[in-house]
C-alpha atoms as a PDB file:
ATOM      1  CA  UNK A   1     -47.983 -62.330  52.881  1.00  0.00           C
ATOM      2  CA  UNK A   2     -49.614 -65.708  52.655  1.00  0.00           C
ATOM      3  CA  UNK A   3     -52.620 -66.646  50.604  1.00  0.00           C
ATOM      4  CA  UNK A   4     -54.719 -66.976  53.856  1.00  0.00           C
ATOM      5  CA  UNK A   5     -53.589 -63.515  54.880  1.00  0.00           C
ATOM      6  CA  UNK A   6     -54.424 -62.011  51.656  1.00  0.00           C
ATOM      7  CA  UNK A   7     -57.978 -63.728  51.635  1.00  0.00           C
ATOM      8  CA  UNK A   8     -58.694 -62.399  55.109  1.00  0.00           C
ATOM      9  CA  UNK A   9     -57.811 -58.870  54.188  1.00  0.00           C
ATOM     10  CA  UNK A  10     -59.957 -58.947  51.157  1.00  0.00           C
ATOM     11  CA  UNK A  11     -63.119 -60.335  52.816  1.00  0.00           C
ATOM     12  CA  UNK A  12     -62.405 -57.922  55.688  1.00  0.00           C
ATOM     13  CA  UNK A  13     -62.635 -55.124  53.380  1.00  0.00           C
ATOM     14  CA  UNK A  14     -59.167 -54.135  53.572  1.00  0.00           C
ATOM     15  CA  UNK A  15     -57.670 -52.523  50.333  1.00  0.00           C
ATOM     16  CA  UNK A  16     -55.082 -54.601  48.707  1.00  0.00           C
ATOM     17  CA  UNK A  17     -52.955 -53.988  45.416  1.00  0.00           C
ATOM     18  CA  UNK A  18     -51.583 -56.126  42.670  1.00  0.00           C
ATOM     19  CA  UNK A  19     -50.360 -55.737  39.082  1.00  0.00           C
ATOM     20  CA  UNK A  20     -50.443 -58.019  36.087  1.00  0.00           C
ATOM     21  CA  UNK A  21     -47.203 -59.852  35.409  1.00  0.00           C
ATOM     22  CA  UNK A  22     -46.662 -60.849  31.884  1.00  0.00           C
ATOM     23  CA  UNK A  23     -42.940 -61.579  31.682  1.00  0.00           C
ATOM     24  CA  UNK A  24     -41.611 -65.002  32.848  1.00  0.00           C
ATOM     25  CA  UNK A  25     -38.066 -63.539  33.285  1.00  0.00           C
ATOM     26  CA  UNK A  26     -36.113 -64.969  36.207  1.00  0.00           C
ATOM     27  CA  UNK A  27     -34.992 -61.511  36.988  1.00  0.00           C
ATOM     28  CA  UNK A  28     -38.515 -60.121  37.387  1.00  0.00           C
ATOM     29  CA  UNK A  29     -39.611 -61.375  40.883  1.00  0.00           C
ATOM     30  CA  UNK A  30     -36.520 -59.545  42.446  1.00  0.00           C
ATOM     31  CA  UNK A  31     -37.529 -56.326  40.727  1.00  0.00           C
ATOM     32  CA  UNK A  32     -41.157 -56.800  41.628  1.00  0.00           C
ATOM     33  CA  UNK A  33     -40.900 -57.915  45.251  1.00  0.00           C
ATOM     34  CA  UNK A  34     -39.853 -54.400  46.523  1.00  0.00           C
ATOM     35  CA  UNK A  35     -42.593 -52.307  44.775  1.00  0.00           C
ATOM     36  CA  UNK A  36     -45.122 -52.470  47.713  1.00  0.00           C
ATOM     37  CA  UNK A  37     -47.553 -54.997  46.207  1.00  0.00           C
ATOM     38  CA  UNK A  38     -49.810 -57.351  48.092  1.00  0.00           C
ATOM     39  CA  UNK A  39     -50.164 -59.844  45.398  1.00  0.00           C
ATOM     40  CA  UNK A  40     -49.413 -60.574  41.699  1.00  0.00           C
ATOM     41  CA  UNK A  41     -52.000 -61.265  38.880  1.00  0.00           C
ATOM     42  CA  UNK A  42     -50.934 -63.635  36.195  1.00  0.00           C
ATOM     43  CA  UNK A  43     -53.119 -63.967  33.171  1.00  0.00           C
ATOM     44  CA  UNK A  44     -53.290 -67.092  31.126  1.00  0.00           C
ATOM     45  CA  UNK A  45     -56.380 -66.017  29.287  1.00  0.00           C
ATOM     46  CA  UNK A  46     -54.956 -63.474  27.032  1.00  0.00           C
ATOM     47  CA  UNK A  47     -51.087 -64.258  27.558  1.00  0.00           C
ATOM     48  CA  UNK A  48     -49.204 -67.328  26.074  1.00  0.00           C
ATOM     49  CA  UNK A  49     -47.704 -68.807  29.444  1.00  0.00           C
ATOM     50  CA  UNK A  50     -47.464 -72.683  29.430  1.00  0.00           C
ATOM     51  CA  UNK A  51     -47.967 -74.810  32.400  1.00  0.00           C
ATOM     52  CA  UNK A  52     -44.190 -75.130  33.299  1.00  0.00           C
ATOM     53  CA  UNK A  53     -43.756 -71.414  33.025  1.00  0.00           C
ATOM     54  CA  UNK A  54     -46.747 -70.659  35.192  1.00  0.00           C
ATOM     55  CA  UNK A  55     -45.639 -73.213  37.863  1.00  0.00           C
ATOM     56  CA  UNK A  56     -42.191 -71.462  38.001  1.00  0.00           C
ATOM     57  CA  UNK A  57     -43.846 -68.052  38.272  1.00  0.00           C
ATOM     58  CA  UNK A  58     -46.371 -69.079  41.012  1.00  0.00           C
ATOM     59  CA  UNK A  59     -43.707 -70.948  43.054  1.00  0.00           C
ATOM     60  CA  UNK A  60     -41.321 -68.084  42.799  1.00  0.00           C
ATOM     61  CA  UNK A  61     -43.680 -65.265  43.734  1.00  0.00           C
ATOM     62  CA  UNK A  62     -45.440 -67.307  46.564  1.00  0.00           C
ATOM     63  CA  UNK A  63     -41.864 -67.839  48.046  1.00  0.00           C
ATOM     64  CA  UNK A  64     -41.372 -64.117  47.972  1.00  0.00           C
ATOM     65  CA  UNK A  65     -44.472 -63.418  49.890  1.00  0.00           C
ATOM     66  CA  UNK A  66     -46.525 -62.213  46.868  1.00  0.00           C
ATOM     67  CA  UNK A  67     -49.575 -64.743  46.429  1.00  0.00           C
ATOM     68  CA  UNK A  68     -50.099 -65.378  42.728  1.00  0.00           C
ATOM     69  CA  UNK A  69     -53.598 -65.030  41.451  1.00  0.00           C
ATOM     70  CA  UNK A  70     -54.029 -66.794  38.122  1.00  0.00           C
ATOM     71  CA  UNK A  71     -56.750 -65.841  35.633  1.00  0.00           C
ATOM     72  CA  UNK A  72     -57.611 -69.039  33.798  1.00  0.00           C
ATOM     73  CA  UNK A  73     -58.536 -69.152  30.094  1.00  0.00           C
ATOM     74  CA  UNK A  74     -62.258 -70.060  30.734  1.00  0.00           C
ATOM     75  CA  UNK A  75     -64.585 -70.596  33.723  1.00  0.00           C
ATOM     76  CA  UNK A  76     -63.808 -74.240  33.713  1.00  0.00           C
ATOM     77  CA  UNK A  77     -63.176 -76.249  37.039  1.00  0.00           C
ATOM     78  CA  UNK A  78     -60.555 -78.502  35.560  1.00  0.00           C
ATOM     79  CA  UNK A  79     -58.408 -75.685  34.423  1.00  0.00           C
ATOM     80  CA  UNK A  80     -58.769 -74.122  37.697  1.00  0.00           C
ATOM     81  CA  UNK A  81     -57.483 -77.344  39.354  1.00  0.00           C
ATOM     82  CA  UNK A  82     -54.477 -77.272  37.087  1.00  0.00           C
ATOM     83  CA  UNK A  83     -53.643 -73.722  37.968  1.00  0.00           C
ATOM     84  CA  UNK A  84     -53.887 -74.517  41.710  1.00  0.00           C
ATOM     85  CA  UNK A  85     -51.564 -77.600  41.074  1.00  0.00           C
ATOM     86  CA  UNK A  86     -49.047 -75.227  39.410  1.00  0.00           C
ATOM     87  CA  UNK A  87     -48.850 -73.324  42.713  1.00  0.00           C
ATOM     88  CA  UNK A  88     -51.634 -70.547  42.341  1.00  0.00           C
ATOM     89  CA  UNK A  89     -52.824 -68.922  45.487  1.00  0.00           C
ATOM     90  CA  UNK A  90     -56.136 -68.576  43.743  1.00  0.00           C
ATOM     91  CA  UNK A  91     -57.938 -68.238  40.400  1.00  0.00           C
ATOM     92  CA  UNK A  92     -59.824 -65.712  38.426  1.00  0.00           C
ATOM     93  CA  UNK A  93     -62.532 -67.279  36.269  1.00  0.00           C
ATOM     94  CA  UNK A  94     -63.104 -64.928  33.214  1.00  0.00           C
ATOM     95  CA  UNK A  95     -66.616 -63.865  31.822  1.00  0.00           C
ATOM     96  CA  UNK A  96     -68.697 -65.502  34.497  1.00  0.00           C
ATOM     97  CA  UNK A  97     -72.555 -64.865  33.854  1.00  0.00           C
ATOM     98  CA  UNK A  98     -74.326 -67.429  35.993  1.00  0.00           C
ATOM     99  CA  UNK A  99     -74.279 -68.915  39.638  1.00  0.00           C
ATOM    100  CA  UNK A 100     -74.036 -72.406  38.137  1.00  0.00           C
ATOM    101  CA  UNK A 101     -70.652 -71.508  36.794  1.00  0.00           C
ATOM    102  CA  UNK A 102     -69.385 -70.174  40.112  1.00  0.00           C
ATOM    103  CA  UNK A 103     -70.780 -73.397  42.008  1.00  0.00           C
ATOM    104  CA  UNK A 104     -68.825 -75.730  39.569  1.00  0.00           C
ATOM    105  CA  UNK A 105     -65.704 -73.476  40.180  1.00  0.00           C
ATOM    106  CA  UNK A 106     -66.381 -73.777  44.037  1.00  0.00           C
ATOM    107  CA  UNK A 107     -66.003 -77.437  43.600  1.00  0.00           C
ATOM    108  CA  UNK A 108     -62.539 -77.227  42.038  1.00  0.00           C
ATOM    109  CA  UNK A 109     -61.154 -74.466  44.369  1.00  0.00           C
ATOM    110  CA  UNK A 110     -62.902 -74.813  47.622  1.00  0.00           C
ATOM    111  CA  UNK A 111     -63.654 -78.540  47.924  1.00  0.00           C
ATOM    112  CA  UNK A 112     -60.220 -79.881  46.690  1.00  0.00           C
ATOM    113  CA  UNK A 113     -59.395 -82.747  46.446  1.00  0.00           C
ATOM    114  CA  UNK A 114     -62.995 -84.095  46.333  1.00  0.00           C
ATOM    115  CA  UNK A 115     -64.204 -85.116  42.903  1.00  0.00           C
ATOM    116  CA  UNK A 116     -67.054 -87.075  41.236  1.00  0.00           C
ATOM    117  CA  UNK A 117     -70.400 -88.068  42.985  1.00  0.00           C
ATOM    118  CA  UNK A 118     -68.986 -87.223  46.446  1.00  0.00           C
ATOM    119  CA  UNK A 119     -68.079 -83.724  45.278  1.00  0.00           C
ATOM    120  CA  UNK A 120     -71.710 -83.370  43.736  1.00  0.00           C
ATOM    121  CA  UNK A 121     -73.305 -84.310  47.018  1.00  0.00           C
ATOM    122  CA  UNK A 122     -70.987 -81.819  48.945  1.00  0.00           C
ATOM    123  CA  UNK A 123     -72.096 -79.022  46.481  1.00  0.00           C
ATOM    124  CA  UNK A 124     -75.643 -80.054  47.023  1.00  0.00           C
ATOM    125  CA  UNK A 125     -75.247 -79.703  50.696  1.00  0.00           C
ATOM    126  CA  UNK A 126     -75.387 -83.380  51.688  1.00  0.00           C
ATOM    127  CA  UNK A 127     -73.602 -83.998  54.950  1.00  0.00           C
ATOM    128  CA  UNK A 128     -70.050 -85.576  54.718  1.00  0.00           C
ATOM    129  CA  UNK A 129     -67.875 -87.129  57.326  1.00  0.00           C
ATOM    130  CA  UNK A 130     -66.872 -84.646  60.075  1.00  0.00           C
ATOM    131  CA  UNK A 131     -63.087 -85.061  59.524  1.00  0.00           C
ATOM    132  CA  UNK A 132     -63.474 -84.672  55.748  1.00  0.00           C
ATOM    133  CA  UNK A 133     -65.560 -81.515  56.207  1.00  0.00           C
ATOM    134  CA  UNK A 134     -62.993 -80.137  58.599  1.00  0.00           C
ATOM    135  CA  UNK A 135     -60.140 -81.030  56.151  1.00  0.00           C
ATOM    136  CA  UNK A 136     -61.987 -79.434  53.246  1.00  0.00           C
ATOM    137  CA  UNK A 137     -62.686 -76.340  55.046  1.00  0.00           C
ATOM    138  CA  UNK A 138     -59.157 -75.718  56.242  1.00  0.00           C
ATOM    139  CA  UNK A 139     -57.847 -76.057  52.736  1.00  0.00           C
ATOM    140  CA  UNK A 140     -60.490 -73.683  51.440  1.00  0.00           C
ATOM    141  CA  UNK A 141     -59.098 -70.915  53.560  1.00  0.00           C
ATOM    142  CA  UNK A 142     -55.746 -71.007  51.660  1.00  0.00           C
ATOM    143  CA  UNK A 143     -57.235 -70.769  48.152  1.00  0.00           C
ATOM    144  CA  UNK A 144     -58.998 -67.764  46.588  1.00  0.00           C
ATOM    145  CA  UNK A 145     -61.814 -67.716  44.205  1.00  0.00           C
ATOM    146  CA  UNK A 146     -62.467 -64.672  42.061  1.00  0.00           C
ATOM    147  CA  UNK A 147     -64.766 -64.204  39.204  1.00  0.00           C
ATOM    148  CA  UNK A 148     -64.594 -61.626  36.505  1.00  0.00           C
ATOM    149  CA  UNK A 149     -67.751 -59.664  36.006  1.00  0.00           C
ATOM    150  CA  UNK A 150     -67.476 -58.504  32.263  1.00  0.00           C
ATOM    151  CA  UNK A 151     -71.055 -58.278  31.001  1.00  0.00           C
ATOM    152  CA  UNK A 152     -74.570 -56.909  31.382  1.00  0.00           C
ATOM    153  CA  UNK A 153     -76.025 -60.523  32.043  1.00  0.00           C
ATOM    154  CA  UNK A 154     -73.319 -60.985  34.787  1.00  0.00           C
ATOM    155  CA  UNK A 155     -74.541 -57.835  36.527  1.00  0.00           C
ATOM    156  CA  UNK A 156     -78.142 -58.847  36.161  1.00  0.00           C
ATOM    157  CA  UNK A 157     -77.249 -62.366  37.750  1.00  0.00           C
ATOM    158  CA  UNK A 158     -75.038 -60.673  40.331  1.00  0.00           C
ATOM    159  CA  UNK A 159     -77.343 -61.506  43.390  1.00  0.00           C
ATOM    160  CA  UNK A 160     -77.429 -65.264  42.506  1.00  0.00           C
ATOM    161  CA  UNK A 161     -73.597 -65.209  41.828  1.00  0.00           C
ATOM    162  CA  UNK A 162     -72.848 -63.732  45.229  1.00  0.00           C
ATOM    163  CA  UNK A 163     -75.175 -66.158  47.054  1.00  0.00           C
ATOM    164  CA  UNK A 164     -72.793 -69.125  46.021  1.00  0.00           C
ATOM    165  CA  UNK A 165     -70.704 -70.026  49.120  1.00  0.00           C
ATOM    166  CA  UNK A 166     -66.851 -69.625  49.071  1.00  0.00           C
ATOM    167  CA  UNK A 167     -66.635 -66.584  46.613  1.00  0.00           C
ATOM    168  CA  UNK A 168     -63.723 -64.347  47.758  1.00  0.00           C
ATOM    169  CA  UNK A 169     -64.035 -61.582  45.304  1.00  0.00           C
ATOM    170  CA  UNK A 170     -65.566 -59.815  42.332  1.00  0.00           C
ATOM    171  CA  UNK A 171     -63.171 -58.498  39.596  1.00  0.00           C
ATOM    172  CA  UNK A 172     -64.232 -56.232  36.827  1.00  0.00           C
ATOM    173  CA  UNK A 173     -62.993 -56.742  33.415  1.00  0.00           C
ATOM    174  CA  UNK A 174     -63.250 -53.074  32.258  1.00  0.00           C
ATOM    175  CA  UNK A 175     -62.671 -53.611  28.444  1.00  0.00           C
ATOM    176  CA  UNK A 176     -65.237 -56.427  27.939  1.00  0.00           C
ATOM    177  CA  UNK A 177     -67.761 -54.830  30.374  1.00  0.00           C
ATOM    178  CA  UNK A 178     -67.542 -51.527  28.487  1.00  0.00           C
ATOM    179  CA  UNK A 179     -68.171 -53.321  25.310  1.00  0.00           C
ATOM    180  CA  UNK A 180     -71.134 -55.303  26.676  1.00  0.00           C
ATOM    181  CA  UNK A 181     -72.718 -52.036  27.845  1.00  0.00           C
ATOM    182  CA  UNK A 182     -72.363 -50.687  24.343  1.00  0.00           C
ATOM    183  CA  UNK A 183     -69.619 -47.983  25.134  1.00  0.00           C
ATOM    184  CA  UNK A 184     -66.346 -49.785  24.126  1.00  0.00           C
ATOM    185  CA  UNK A 185     -63.410 -48.394  26.048  1.00  0.00           C
ATOM    186  CA  UNK A 186     -65.760 -45.574  27.354  1.00  0.00           C
ATOM    187  CA  UNK A 187     -64.253 -45.813  30.877  1.00  0.00           C
ATOM    188  CA  UNK A 188     -65.550 -42.342  31.894  1.00  0.00           C
ATOM    189  CA  UNK A 189     -69.026 -42.936  30.502  1.00  0.00           C
ATOM    190  CA  UNK A 190     -71.709 -42.749  33.213  1.00  0.00           C
ATOM    191  CA  UNK A 191     -73.210 -46.204  32.179  1.00  0.00           C
ATOM    192  CA  UNK A 192     -69.950 -47.739  32.820  1.00  0.00           C
ATOM    193  CA  UNK A 193     -69.173 -45.996  35.960  1.00  0.00           C
ATOM    194  CA  UNK A 194     -72.588 -46.756  37.305  1.00  0.00           C
ATOM    195  CA  UNK A 195     -72.128 -50.488  36.562  1.00  0.00           C
ATOM    196  CA  UNK A 196     -68.744 -50.391  38.333  1.00  0.00           C
ATOM    197  CA  UNK A 197     -70.188 -48.926  41.347  1.00  0.00           C
ATOM    198  CA  UNK A 198     -73.084 -51.527  41.359  1.00  0.00           C
ATOM    199  CA  UNK A 199     -70.735 -54.266  41.286  1.00  0.00           C
ATOM    200  CA  UNK A 200     -68.491 -52.820  44.028  1.00  0.00           C
ATOM    201  CA  UNK A 201     -71.218 -52.023  46.269  1.00  0.00           C
ATOM    202  CA  UNK A 202     -73.136 -55.462  45.957  1.00  0.00           C
ATOM    203  CA  UNK A 203     -69.853 -57.249  46.426  1.00  0.00           C
ATOM    204  CA  UNK A 204     -68.867 -55.495  49.500  1.00  0.00           C
ATOM    205  CA  UNK A 205     -72.378 -55.787  50.967  1.00  0.00           C
ATOM    206  CA  UNK A 206     -72.269 -59.488  50.650  1.00  0.00           C
ATOM    207  CA  UNK A 207     -68.937 -59.659  52.467  1.00  0.00           C
ATOM    208  CA  UNK A 208     -66.660 -60.426  49.426  1.00  0.00           C
ATOM    209  CA  UNK A 209     -63.878 -58.288  47.917  1.00  0.00           C
ATOM    210  CA  UNK A 210     -64.649 -56.202  44.824  1.00  0.00           C
ATOM    211  CA  UNK A 211     -62.190 -54.665  42.464  1.00  0.00           C
ATOM    212  CA  UNK A 212     -60.992 -54.114  39.029  1.00  0.00           C
ATOM    213  CA  UNK A 213     -57.943 -54.485  36.757  1.00  0.00           C
ATOM    214  CA  UNK A 214     -57.282 -51.047  35.215  1.00  0.00           C
ATOM    215  CA  UNK A 215     -54.340 -49.389  33.530  1.00  0.00           C
ATOM    216  CA  UNK A 216     -55.340 -45.704  33.781  1.00  0.00           C
ATOM    217  CA  UNK A 217     -54.310 -42.697  35.615  1.00  0.00           C
ATOM    218  CA  UNK A 218     -54.057 -42.186  39.441  1.00  0.00           C
ATOM    219  CA  UNK A 219     -57.079 -40.115  39.388  1.00  0.00           C
ATOM    220  CA  UNK A 220     -59.129 -42.934  37.575  1.00  0.00           C
ATOM    221  CA  UNK A 221     -57.796 -45.520  40.070  1.00  0.00           C
ATOM    222  CA  UNK A 222     -58.703 -43.289  43.074  1.00  0.00           C
ATOM    223  CA  UNK A 223     -62.150 -42.865  41.563  1.00  0.00           C
ATOM    224  CA  UNK A 224     -62.682 -46.585  41.656  1.00  0.00           C
ATOM    225  CA  UNK A 225     -61.504 -46.737  45.263  1.00  0.00           C
ATOM    226  CA  UNK A 226     -63.848 -43.970  46.316  1.00  0.00           C
ATOM    227  CA  UNK A 227     -66.671 -45.825  44.555  1.00  0.00           C
ATOM    228  CA  UNK A 228     -66.172 -48.887  46.886  1.00  0.00           C
ATOM    229  CA  UNK A 229     -63.393 -50.959  45.276  1.00  0.00           C
ATOM    230  CA  UNK A 230     -60.925 -52.666  47.789  1.00  0.00           C
ATOM    231  CA  UNK A 231     -58.991 -54.797  45.180  1.00  0.00           C
ATOM    232  CA  UNK A 232     -56.993 -52.944  42.695  1.00  0.00           C
ATOM    233  CA  UNK A 233     -54.767 -54.485  40.012  1.00  0.00           C
ATOM    234  CA  UNK A 234     -52.922 -51.561  38.591  1.00  0.00           C
ATOM    235  CA  UNK A 235     -51.685 -51.815  35.022  1.00  0.00           C
ATOM    236  CA  UNK A 236     -49.138 -54.453  33.874  1.00  0.00           C
ATOM    237  CA  UNK A 237     -45.455 -54.801  33.508  1.00  0.00           C
ATOM    238  CA  UNK A 238     -45.655 -54.626  29.790  1.00  0.00           C
ATOM    239  CA  UNK A 239     -47.877 -51.498  29.869  1.00  0.00           C
ATOM    240  CA  UNK A 240     -45.667 -49.822  32.503  1.00  0.00           C
ATOM    241  CA  UNK A 241     -42.466 -50.499  30.546  1.00  0.00           C
ATOM    242  CA  UNK A 242     -43.957 -49.021  27.521  1.00  0.00           C
ATOM    243  CA  UNK A 243     -45.234 -46.044  29.127  1.00  0.00           C
ATOM    244  CA  UNK A 244     -42.120 -45.126  30.916  1.00  0.00           C
ATOM    245  CA  UNK A 245     -39.906 -45.871  28.026  1.00  0.00           C
ATOM    246  CA  UNK A 246     -41.930 -43.393  25.908  1.00  0.00           C
ATOM    247  CA  UNK A 247     -41.643 -40.771  28.598  1.00  0.00           C
ATOM    248  CA  UNK A 248     -37.959 -41.040  29.054  1.00  0.00           C
ATOM    249  CA  UNK A 249     -36.983 -41.347  25.409  1.00  0.00           C
ATOM    250  CA  UNK A 250     -39.232 -38.305  24.683  1.00  0.00           C
ATOM    251  CA  UNK A 251     -37.383 -36.266  27.320  1.00  0.00           C
ATOM    252  CA  UNK A 252     -33.959 -37.406  26.065  1.00  0.00           C
ATOM    253  CA  UNK A 253     -34.741 -36.401  22.500  1.00  0.00           C
ATOM    254  CA  UNK A 254     -36.142 -33.175  23.805  1.00  0.00           C
ATOM    255  CA  UNK A 255     -32.915 -32.475  25.843  1.00  0.00           C
ATOM    256  CA  UNK A 256     -31.003 -33.203  22.556  1.00  0.00           C
ATOM    257  CA  UNK A 257     -32.996 -30.827  20.559  1.00  0.00           C
ATOM    258  CA  UNK A 258     -34.759 -33.551  18.592  1.00  0.00           C
ATOM    259  CA  UNK A 259     -38.283 -33.833  17.531  1.00  0.00           C
ATOM    260  CA  UNK A 260     -40.324 -36.425  19.177  1.00  0.00           C
ATOM    261  CA  UNK A 261     -41.958 -39.078  16.638  1.00  0.00           C
ATOM    262  CA  UNK A 262     -45.636 -39.050  16.427  1.00  0.00           C
ATOM    263  CA  UNK A 263     -47.077 -42.163  18.382  1.00  0.00           C
ATOM    264  CA  UNK A 264     -50.585 -43.287  18.043  1.00  0.00           C
ATOM    265  CA  UNK A 265     -52.461 -43.546  21.443  1.00  0.00           C
ATOM    266  CA  UNK A 266     -54.102 -46.572  20.179  1.00  0.00           C
ATOM    267  CA  UNK A 267     -50.813 -48.505  20.473  1.00  0.00           C
ATOM    268  CA  UNK A 268     -50.969 -48.482  24.358  1.00  0.00           C
ATOM    269  CA  UNK A 269     -51.194 -52.103  25.420  1.00  0.00           C
ATOM    270  CA  UNK A 270     -54.320 -53.059  27.376  1.00  0.00           C
ATOM    271  CA  UNK A 271     -55.186 -56.475  28.496  1.00  0.00           C
END
């Protein structure tokens, strides 16, 4: 799949699936590419990945037909540009709360390579040369722009955020959102689920994708899809490794007649 194909699917309302990739191991792309994913999610906000590693990961996954969507450390247009230069198919900007932030990101993602005063005029709606406008628009179709909705102020500003041209999808950050709503990690709390449904429905009604990065059960993931999500980032390589290693070691110990050591549930990795 190409980045353009992925973008077309998302804005058309088709459901797409990804997972968070933490490991930069050169063996990982081969293992991941046959898992039925539509794209991969690479997080540089919470994970220590340098520019060289990021570029290698982006170039490799893109070559395998898995467009890499990169979450940048902050909603900064210059950082977005660096991720795209590394080979990202698109960016996720974390903790966005205003339309002004999205407009600045639009300049970096959708109006490349224009900068400076000319970019500001384009963002203000001033007409530019026909050839340049066509060139910029063609490039914009290949680059995706997602924003993380992770707070109550972001939900309150959602109509203004969705009015910014060029936005391709909303992505819920469940941990931060639950904390902002006063129910930390309360992913089954009515106030959290109502907020998710509002984000999904408003995004889809505006003609953009809407989804969530979540690491829970199949039933929880299905609930988000039923609520209107069409973009699902399921878990992470490190979380899936941890979960399945625990399950298999417990089964082996049980078969050998050993006691299973107590493990605190809080040790599960969430990002």
